[in-house]
Amino acid sequence: LFFLISSIANLSAILSGLTTRMLSGW
């Protein structure tokens, strides 16, 4: 269960952080 909620948090970190970094390259 800890792994499950941690995976949701990891997905949120990637979507909120990497999406903007990819766009900043363009």
PDB file of all heavy atoms in Angstrom:
ATOM      1  N   LEU A   1       0.829  -1.201   0.000  1.00  0.00           N
ATOM      2  CA  LEU A   1       0.000   0.000   0.000  1.00  0.00           C
ATOM      3  C   LEU A   1       0.867   1.255   0.000  1.00  0.00           C
ATOM      4  O   LEU A   1       0.567   2.240  -0.687  1.00  0.00           O
ATOM      5  CB  LEU A   1      -0.941  -0.004   1.206  1.00  0.00           C
ATOM      6  CG  LEU A   1      -2.005   1.098   1.246  1.00  0.00           C
ATOM      7  CD1 LEU A   1      -2.860   1.085  -0.024  1.00  0.00           C
ATOM      8  CD2 LEU A   1      -2.896   0.927   2.478  1.00  0.00           C
ATOM      9  N   PHE A   2       1.960   1.216   0.769  1.00  0.00           N
ATOM     10  CA  PHE A   2       2.915   2.331   0.730  1.00  0.00           C
ATOM     11  C   PHE A   2       3.486   2.481  -0.678  1.00  0.00           C
ATOM     12  O   PHE A   2       3.637   3.595  -1.186  1.00  0.00           O
ATOM     13  CB  PHE A   2       4.057   2.100   1.721  1.00  0.00           C
ATOM     14  CG  PHE A   2       3.709   2.420   3.150  1.00  0.00           C
ATOM     15  CD1 PHE A   2       3.935   1.497   4.161  1.00  0.00           C
ATOM     16  CD2 PHE A   2       3.163   3.646   3.500  1.00  0.00           C
ATOM     17  CE1 PHE A   2       3.623   1.786   5.484  1.00  0.00           C
ATOM     18  CE2 PHE A   2       2.852   3.957   4.812  1.00  0.00           C
ATOM     19  CZ  PHE A   2       3.073   3.024   5.807  1.00  0.00           C
ATOM     20  N   PHE A   3       3.835   1.352  -1.312  1.00  0.00           N
ATOM     21  CA  PHE A   3       4.352   1.387  -2.680  1.00  0.00           C
ATOM     22  C   PHE A   3       3.320   1.980  -3.642  1.00  0.00           C
ATOM     23  O   PHE A   3       3.671   2.742  -4.549  1.00  0.00           O
ATOM     24  CB  PHE A   3       4.726  -0.025  -3.151  1.00  0.00           C
ATOM     25  CG  PHE A   3       5.992  -0.565  -2.564  1.00  0.00           C
ATOM     26  CD1 PHE A   3       6.297  -1.911  -2.652  1.00  0.00           C
ATOM     27  CD2 PHE A   3       6.888   0.266  -1.915  1.00  0.00           C
ATOM     28  CE1 PHE A   3       7.463  -2.429  -2.114  1.00  0.00           C
ATOM     29  CE2 PHE A   3       8.065  -0.235  -1.367  1.00  0.00           C
ATOM     30  CZ  PHE A   3       8.350  -1.592  -1.470  1.00  0.00           C
ATOM     31  N   LEU A   4       2.058   1.620  -3.461  1.00  0.00           N
ATOM     32  CA  LEU A   4       0.985   2.092  -4.348  1.00  0.00           C
ATOM     33  C   LEU A   4       0.845   3.614  -4.283  1.00  0.00           C
ATOM     34  O   LEU A   4       0.849   4.298  -5.320  1.00  0.00           O
ATOM     35  CB  LEU A   4      -0.334   1.418  -3.973  1.00  0.00           C
ATOM     36  CG  LEU A   4      -1.597   1.933  -4.683  1.00  0.00           C
ATOM     37  CD1 LEU A   4      -1.482   1.748  -6.192  1.00  0.00           C
ATOM     38  CD2 LEU A   4      -2.841   1.234  -4.137  1.00  0.00           C
ATOM     39  N   ILE A   5       0.721   4.163  -3.075  1.00  0.00           N
ATOM     40  CA  ILE A   5       0.556   5.616  -2.938  1.00  0.00           C
ATOM     41  C   ILE A   5       1.836   6.342  -3.350  1.00  0.00           C
ATOM     42  O   ILE A   5       1.786   7.436  -3.932  1.00  0.00           O
ATOM     43  CB  ILE A   5       0.162   5.986  -1.493  1.00  0.00           C
ATOM     44  CG1 ILE A   5      -1.051   5.169  -1.034  1.00  0.00           C
ATOM     45  CG2 ILE A   5      -0.148   7.471  -1.381  1.00  0.00           C
ATOM     46  CD1 ILE A   5      -2.270   5.336  -1.914  1.00  0.00           C
ATOM     47  N   SER A   6       2.982   5.716  -3.077  1.00  0.00           N
ATOM     48  CA  SER A   6       4.249   6.306  -3.505  1.00  0.00           C
ATOM     49  C   SER A   6       4.337   6.368  -5.027  1.00  0.00           C
ATOM     50  O   SER A   6       4.866   7.340  -5.587  1.00  0.00           O
ATOM     51  CB  SER A   6       5.418   5.483  -2.950  1.00  0.00           C
ATOM     52  OG  SER A   6       6.654   6.004  -3.348  1.00  0.00           O
ATOM     53  N   SER A   7       3.797   5.361  -5.709  1.00  0.00           N
ATOM     54  CA  SER A   7       3.794   5.363  -7.177  1.00  0.00           C
ATOM     55  C   SER A   7       2.909   6.488  -7.715  1.00  0.00           C
ATOM     56  O   SER A   7       3.238   7.123  -8.730  1.00  0.00           O
ATOM     57  CB  SER A   7       3.305   4.014  -7.711  1.00  0.00           C
ATOM     58  OG  SER A   7       4.197   2.978  -7.373  1.00  0.00           O
ATOM     59  N   ILE A   8       1.786   6.727  -7.052  1.00  0.00           N
ATOM     60  CA  ILE A   8       0.913   7.848  -7.448  1.00  0.00           C
ATOM     61  C   ILE A   8       1.662   9.168  -7.277  1.00  0.00           C
ATOM     62  O   ILE A   8       1.593  10.061  -8.134  1.00  0.00           O
ATOM     63  CB  ILE A   8      -0.385   7.844  -6.623  1.00  0.00           C
ATOM     64  CG1 ILE A   8      -1.200   6.576  -6.917  1.00  0.00           C
ATOM     65  CG2 ILE A   8      -1.227   9.088  -6.904  1.00  0.00           C
ATOM     66  CD1 ILE A   8      -2.412   6.392  -6.023  1.00  0.00           C
ATOM     67  N   ALA A   9       2.400   9.307  -6.158  1.00  0.00           N
ATOM     68  CA  ALA A   9       3.186  10.529  -5.919  1.00  0.00           C
ATOM     69  C   ALA A   9       4.305  10.666  -6.954  1.00  0.00           C
ATOM     70  O   ALA A   9       4.585  11.772  -7.436  1.00  0.00           O
ATOM     71  CB  ALA A   9       3.761  10.509  -4.506  1.00  0.00           C
ATOM     72  N   ASN A  10       4.954   9.548  -7.304  1.00  0.00           N
ATOM     73  CA  ASN A  10       6.004   9.581  -8.330  1.00  0.00           C
ATOM     74  C   ASN A  10       5.447  10.028  -9.674  1.00  0.00           C
ATOM     75  O   ASN A  10       6.071  10.822 -10.388  1.00  0.00           O
ATOM     76  CB  ASN A  10       6.639   8.196  -8.479  1.00  0.00           C
ATOM     77  CG  ASN A  10       7.606   7.867  -7.363  1.00  0.00           C
ATOM     78  OD1 ASN A  10       8.259   8.745  -6.817  1.00  0.00           O
ATOM     79  ND2 ASN A  10       7.690   6.604  -6.999  1.00  0.00           N
ATOM     80  N   LEU A  11       4.277   9.515 -10.029  1.00  0.00           N
ATOM     81  CA  LEU A  11       3.644   9.911 -11.293  1.00  0.00           C
ATOM     82  C   LEU A  11       3.313  11.402 -11.283  1.00  0.00           C
ATOM     83  O   LEU A  11       3.527  12.104 -12.279  1.00  0.00           O
ATOM     84  CB  LEU A  11       2.374   9.083 -11.520  1.00  0.00           C
ATOM     85  CG  LEU A  11       1.585   9.377 -12.800  1.00  0.00           C
ATOM     86  CD1 LEU A  11       2.442   9.114 -14.025  1.00  0.00           C
ATOM     87  CD2 LEU A  11       0.307   8.547 -12.844  1.00  0.00           C
ATOM     88  N   SER A  12       2.814  11.888 -10.150  1.00  0.00           N
ATOM     89  CA  SER A  12       2.506  13.313 -10.020  1.00  0.00           C
ATOM     90  C   SER A  12       3.761  14.168 -10.156  1.00  0.00           C
ATOM     91  O   SER A  12       3.747  15.227 -10.794  1.00  0.00           O
ATOM     92  CB  SER A  12       1.831  13.579  -8.668  1.00  0.00           C
ATOM     93  OG  SER A  12       1.617  14.952  -8.457  1.00  0.00           O
ATOM     94  N   ALA A  13       4.882  13.704  -9.569  1.00  0.00           N
ATOM     95  CA  ALA A  13       6.139  14.449  -9.663  1.00  0.00           C
ATOM     96  C   ALA A  13       6.626  14.521 -11.104  1.00  0.00           C
ATOM     97  O   ALA A  13       7.104  15.575 -11.558  1.00  0.00           O
ATOM     98  CB  ALA A  13       7.195  13.786  -8.782  1.00  0.00           C
ATOM     99  N   ILE A  14       6.503  13.424 -11.833  1.00  0.00           N
ATOM    100  CA  ILE A  14       6.947  13.407 -13.229  1.00  0.00           C
ATOM    101  C   ILE A  14       6.070  14.313 -14.090  1.00  0.00           C
ATOM    102  O   ILE A  14       6.564  15.095 -14.909  1.00  0.00           O
ATOM    103  CB  ILE A  14       6.945  11.961 -13.768  1.00  0.00           C
ATOM    104  CG1 ILE A  14       8.096  11.172 -13.126  1.00  0.00           C
ATOM    105  CG2 ILE A  14       7.083  11.936 -15.290  1.00  0.00           C
ATOM    106  CD1 ILE A  14       8.113   9.701 -13.469  1.00  0.00           C
ATOM    107  N   LEU A  15       4.756  14.216 -13.909  1.00  0.00           N
ATOM    108  CA  LEU A  15       3.844  15.029 -14.721  1.00  0.00           C
ATOM    109  C   LEU A  15       3.993  16.520 -14.431  1.00  0.00           C
ATOM    110  O   LEU A  15       3.961  17.351 -15.345  1.00  0.00           O
ATOM    111  CB  LEU A  15       2.401  14.585 -14.477  1.00  0.00           C
ATOM    112  CG  LEU A  15       2.026  13.176 -14.973  1.00  0.00           C
ATOM    113  CD1 LEU A  15       0.595  12.840 -14.592  1.00  0.00           C
ATOM    114  CD2 LEU A  15       2.219  13.060 -16.473  1.00  0.00           C
ATOM    115  N   SER A  16       4.159  16.871 -13.152  1.00  0.00           N
ATOM    116  CA  SER A  16       4.258  18.289 -12.790  1.00  0.00           C
ATOM    117  C   SER A  16       5.638  18.866 -13.068  1.00  0.00           C
ATOM    118  O   SER A  16       5.780  20.067 -13.330  1.00  0.00           O
ATOM    119  CB  SER A  16       3.906  18.487 -11.312  1.00  0.00           C
ATOM    120  OG  SER A  16       4.800  17.747 -10.475  1.00  0.00           O
ATOM    121  N   GLY A  17       6.671  18.019 -13.004  1.00  0.00           N
ATOM    122  CA  GLY A  17       8.023  18.523 -13.176  1.00  0.00           C
ATOM    123  C   GLY A  17       8.588  18.381 -14.574  1.00  0.00           C
ATOM    124  O   GLY A  17       9.109  19.341 -15.153  1.00  0.00           O
ATOM    125  N   LEU A  18       8.467  17.188 -15.157  1.00  0.00           N
ATOM    126  CA  LEU A  18       9.111  16.947 -16.441  1.00  0.00           C
ATOM    127  C   LEU A  18       8.355  17.536 -17.627  1.00  0.00           C
ATOM    128  O   LEU A  18       8.964  17.873 -18.646  1.00  0.00           O
ATOM    129  CB  LEU A  18       9.287  15.436 -16.658  1.00  0.00           C
ATOM    130  CG  LEU A  18      10.593  14.841 -16.139  1.00  0.00           C
ATOM    131  CD1 LEU A  18      10.674  13.367 -16.466  1.00  0.00           C
ATOM    132  CD2 LEU A  18      11.796  15.569 -16.726  1.00  0.00           C
ATOM    133  N   THR A  19       7.040  17.639 -17.506  1.00  0.00           N
ATOM    134  CA  THR A  19       6.266  18.220 -18.610  1.00  0.00           C
ATOM    135  C   THR A  19       6.760  19.629 -18.923  1.00  0.00           C
ATOM    136  O   THR A  19       6.987  19.991 -20.090  1.00  0.00           O
ATOM    137  CB  THR A  19       4.767  18.272 -18.258  1.00  0.00           C
ATOM    138  OG1 THR A  19       4.324  16.959 -17.907  1.00  0.00           O
ATOM    139  CG2 THR A  19       3.953  18.770 -19.432  1.00  0.00           C
ATOM    140  N   THR A  20       6.961  20.422 -17.884  1.00  0.00           N
ATOM    141  CA  THR A  20       7.417  21.803 -18.092  1.00  0.00           C
ATOM    142  C   THR A  20       8.866  21.856 -18.559  1.00  0.00           C
ATOM    143  O   THR A  20       9.244  22.738 -19.330  1.00  0.00           O
ATOM    144  CB  THR A  20       7.262  22.616 -16.794  1.00  0.00           C
ATOM    145  OG1 THR A  20       7.992  21.970 -15.741  1.00  0.00           O
ATOM    146  CG2 THR A  20       5.804  22.722 -16.397  1.00  0.00           C
ATOM    147  N   ARG A  21       9.697  20.920 -18.107  1.00  0.00           N
ATOM    148  CA  ARG A  21      11.096  20.919 -18.530  1.00  0.00           C
ATOM    149  C   ARG A  21      11.215  20.561 -20.009  1.00  0.00           C
ATOM    150  O   ARG A  21      12.067  21.090 -20.723  1.00  0.00           O
ATOM    151  CB  ARG A  21      11.916  19.948 -17.682  1.00  0.00           C
ATOM    152  CG  ARG A  21      12.036  20.384 -16.234  1.00  0.00           C
ATOM    153  CD  ARG A  21      13.148  19.642 -15.517  1.00  0.00           C
ATOM    154  NE  ARG A  21      14.456  20.074 -15.969  1.00  0.00           N
ATOM    155  CZ  ARG A  21      15.040  21.213 -15.611  1.00  0.00           C
ATOM    156  NH1 ARG A  21      14.412  22.049 -14.808  1.00  0.00           N
ATOM    157  NH2 ARG A  21      16.239  21.511 -16.052  1.00  0.00           N
ATOM    158  N   MET A  22      10.376  19.636 -20.468  1.00  0.00           N
ATOM    159  CA  MET A  22      10.375  19.305 -21.895  1.00  0.00           C
ATOM    160  C   MET A  22       9.952  20.514 -22.723  1.00  0.00           C
ATOM    161  O   MET A  22      10.542  20.824 -23.745  1.00  0.00           O
ATOM    162  CB  MET A  22       9.439  18.127 -22.161  1.00  0.00           C
ATOM    163  CG  MET A  22       9.957  16.795 -21.653  1.00  0.00           C
ATOM    164  SD  MET A  22       8.941  15.402 -22.203  1.00  0.00           S
ATOM    165  CE  MET A  22       7.379  15.808 -21.435  1.00  0.00           C
ATOM    166  N   LEU A  23       8.922  21.203 -22.250  1.00  0.00           N
ATOM    167  CA  LEU A  23       8.434  22.379 -22.977  1.00  0.00           C
ATOM    168  C   LEU A  23       9.457  23.513 -22.962  1.00  0.00           C
ATOM    169  O   LEU A  23       9.574  24.274 -23.933  1.00  0.00           O
ATOM    170  CB  LEU A  23       7.116  22.864 -22.365  1.00  0.00           C
ATOM    171  CG  LEU A  23       5.909  21.934 -22.542  1.00  0.00           C
ATOM    172  CD1 LEU A  23       4.719  22.462 -21.766  1.00  0.00           C
ATOM    173  CD2 LEU A  23       5.561  21.773 -24.016  1.00  0.00           C
ATOM    174  N   SER A  24      10.202  23.615 -21.851  1.00  0.00           N
ATOM    175  CA  SER A  24      11.200  24.695 -21.762  1.00  0.00           C
ATOM    176  C   SER A  24      12.304  24.521 -22.801  1.00  0.00           C
ATOM    177  O   SER A  24      12.923  25.496 -23.231  1.00  0.00           O
ATOM    178  CB  SER A  24      11.806  24.749 -20.356  1.00  0.00           C
ATOM    179  OG  SER A  24      12.580  23.584 -20.098  1.00  0.00           O
ATOM    180  N   GLY A  25      12.558  23.276 -23.198  1.00  0.00           N
ATOM    181  CA  GLY A  25      13.559  23.038 -24.233  1.00  0.00           C
ATOM    182  C   GLY A  25      13.146  23.579 -25.587  1.00  0.00           C
ATOM    183  O   GLY A  25      13.978  23.790 -26.471  1.00  0.00           O
ATOM    184  N   TRP A  26      11.834  23.809 -25.743  1.00  0.00           N
ATOM    185  CA  TRP A  26      11.321  24.363 -27.004  1.00  0.00           C
ATOM    186  C   TRP A  26      10.719  25.765 -26.789  1.00  0.00           C
ATOM    187  O   TRP A  26       9.953  26.254 -27.611  1.00  0.00           O
ATOM    188  CB  TRP A  26      10.249  23.439 -27.576  1.00  0.00           C
ATOM    189  CG  TRP A  26      10.731  22.027 -27.706  1.00  0.00           C
ATOM    190  CD1 TRP A  26      10.565  21.016 -26.812  1.00  0.00           C
ATOM    191  CD2 TRP A  26      11.508  21.475 -28.772  1.00  0.00           C
ATOM    192  NE1 TRP A  26      11.164  19.862 -27.245  1.00  0.00           N
ATOM    193  CE2 TRP A  26      11.751  20.109 -28.450  1.00  0.00           C
ATOM    194  CE3 TRP A  26      12.010  21.992 -29.972  1.00  0.00           C
ATOM    195  CZ2 TRP A  26      12.480  19.269 -29.280  1.00  0.00           C
ATOM    196  CZ3 TRP A  26      12.741  21.139 -30.800  1.00  0.00           C
ATOM    197  CH2 TRP A  26      12.966  19.806 -30.453  1.00  0.00           C
TER     198      TRP A  26
END
